[in-house]
Protein backbone atom coordinates (compact mmCIF):
# COMPACT_ATOMS: atom_id res chain seq x y z
CA UNK A 1 -15.36 -178.62 -59.97
CA UNK A 2 -15.83 -176.83 -56.67
CA UNK A 3 -12.70 -175.04 -55.42
CA UNK A 4 -10.20 -177.59 -56.71
CA UNK A 5 -6.65 -177.85 -55.41
CA UNK A 6 -3.71 -177.63 -57.77
CA UNK A 7 -0.49 -179.57 -57.15
CA UNK A 8 2.56 -179.01 -59.31
CA UNK A 9 5.85 -180.86 -59.53
CA UNK A 10 8.79 -180.22 -61.83
CA UNK A 11 11.47 -182.87 -62.27
CA UNK A 12 9.86 -184.85 -59.41
CA UNK A 13 10.19 -181.88 -57.00
CA UNK A 14 7.04 -180.24 -55.62
CA UNK A 15 6.66 -176.58 -56.56
CA UNK A 16 4.69 -174.49 -54.04
CA UNK A 17 2.02 -172.39 -55.71
CA UNK A 18 0.05 -169.57 -54.12
CA UNK A 19 -3.66 -168.97 -54.68
CA UNK A 20 -3.27 -166.72 -57.75
CA UNK A 21 -0.99 -169.21 -59.50
CA UNK A 22 -3.26 -172.13 -58.57
CA UNK A 23 -6.27 -170.28 -60.00
CA UNK A 24 -4.36 -169.34 -63.15
CA UNK A 25 -3.05 -172.85 -63.82
CA UNK A 26 -6.42 -174.43 -63.01
CA UNK A 27 -8.36 -172.10 -65.31
CA UNK A 28 -5.94 -172.46 -68.22
CA UNK A 29 -5.71 -176.27 -67.97
CA UNK A 30 -9.47 -176.73 -67.57
CA UNK A 31 -10.06 -174.32 -70.47
CA UNK A 32 -7.76 -176.30 -72.76
CA UNK A 33 -9.13 -179.70 -71.77
CA UNK A 34 -12.81 -178.73 -71.93
CA UNK A 35 -12.80 -179.06 -75.71
CA UNK A 36 -11.37 -182.58 -75.72
CA UNK A 37 -13.66 -185.57 -76.15
CA UNK A 38 -13.70 -187.55 -72.91
CA UNK A 39 -12.90 -184.55 -70.73
CA UNK A 40 -16.45 -183.65 -69.82
CA UNK A 41 -17.57 -183.30 -66.18
CA UNK A 42 -14.04 -183.07 -64.77
CA UNK A 43 -13.72 -184.19 -61.16
CA UNK A 44 -9.97 -184.73 -61.26
CA UNK A 45 -7.22 -183.96 -63.75
CA UNK A 46 -3.73 -185.41 -64.03
CA UNK A 47 -1.53 -183.81 -66.66
CA UNK A 48 2.03 -185.03 -67.18
CA UNK A 49 4.64 -183.83 -69.63
CA UNK A 50 7.81 -185.84 -70.16
CA UNK A 51 9.85 -184.62 -73.10
CA UNK A 52 7.47 -184.58 -76.05
CA UNK A 53 4.97 -186.92 -74.40
CA UNK A 54 1.80 -185.41 -72.95
CA UNK A 55 -0.38 -187.66 -70.80
CA UNK A 56 -3.87 -186.47 -69.86
CA UNK A 57 -6.12 -188.27 -67.39
CA UNK A 58 -9.55 -186.94 -66.48
CA UNK A 59 -11.52 -188.71 -63.77
CA UNK A 60 -8.88 -191.49 -63.83
CA UNK A 61 -9.46 -192.15 -67.53
CA UNK A 62 -6.97 -191.46 -70.29
CA UNK A 63 -7.90 -188.69 -72.71
CA UNK A 64 -6.27 -188.81 -76.12
CA UNK A 65 -5.41 -185.80 -78.22
CA UNK A 66 -3.90 -185.39 -81.66
CA UNK A 67 -0.26 -184.26 -82.05
CA UNK A 68 -1.20 -180.60 -82.63
CA UNK A 69 -3.29 -180.44 -79.45
CA UNK A 70 -0.55 -182.21 -77.46
CA UNK A 71 2.03 -179.64 -78.67
CA UNK A 72 -0.36 -176.78 -77.90
CA UNK A 73 -0.97 -178.04 -74.35
CA UNK A 74 2.71 -178.78 -73.78
CA UNK A 75 3.91 -175.37 -74.95
CA UNK A 76 1.21 -173.49 -73.05
CA UNK A 77 1.84 -175.33 -69.77
CA UNK A 78 5.64 -175.14 -70.04
CA UNK A 79 5.37 -171.40 -70.77
CA UNK A 80 3.27 -170.83 -67.64
CA UNK A 81 5.35 -172.98 -65.32
CA UNK A 82 8.77 -171.84 -66.57
CA UNK A 83 7.88 -168.33 -65.39
CA UNK A 84 7.55 -169.46 -61.76
CA UNK A 85 10.22 -168.66 -59.21
CA UNK A 86 12.65 -171.52 -58.69
CA UNK A 87 11.77 -173.30 -61.94
CA UNK A 88 14.50 -173.52 -64.56
CA UNK A 89 15.10 -176.62 -66.69
CA UNK A 90 11.90 -178.65 -67.07
CA UNK A 91 12.41 -182.31 -67.99
CA UNK A 92 9.26 -183.67 -66.34
CA UNK A 93 6.19 -181.84 -65.16
CA UNK A 94 3.06 -183.02 -63.41
CA UNK A 95 -0.07 -181.07 -62.59
CA UNK A 96 -2.83 -182.53 -60.47
CA UNK A 97 -6.17 -180.77 -60.07
CA UNK A 98 -8.60 -182.32 -57.59
CA UNK A 99 -11.64 -181.28 -55.62
């Protein structure tokens, strides 16, 4: 991926993210997904968390993960995002990473 853009929304509201936060989120998400089968050669990533459900799409294709990996991704992402200014209760979260 060459200088991808990160978009973040929490509870259907866009959350503005500055360059450092974009880089941090991008690197953590790509690092976690790199080990998943079907997540090779990432051009675009859509990651959604709704309650206990984690949905991962890479290059517009669904990527499945076992329950442990889903919990790991969910807890890591919620931990990062809950630290951001203006974010409190997280019911739904969506991250989009595109070139």
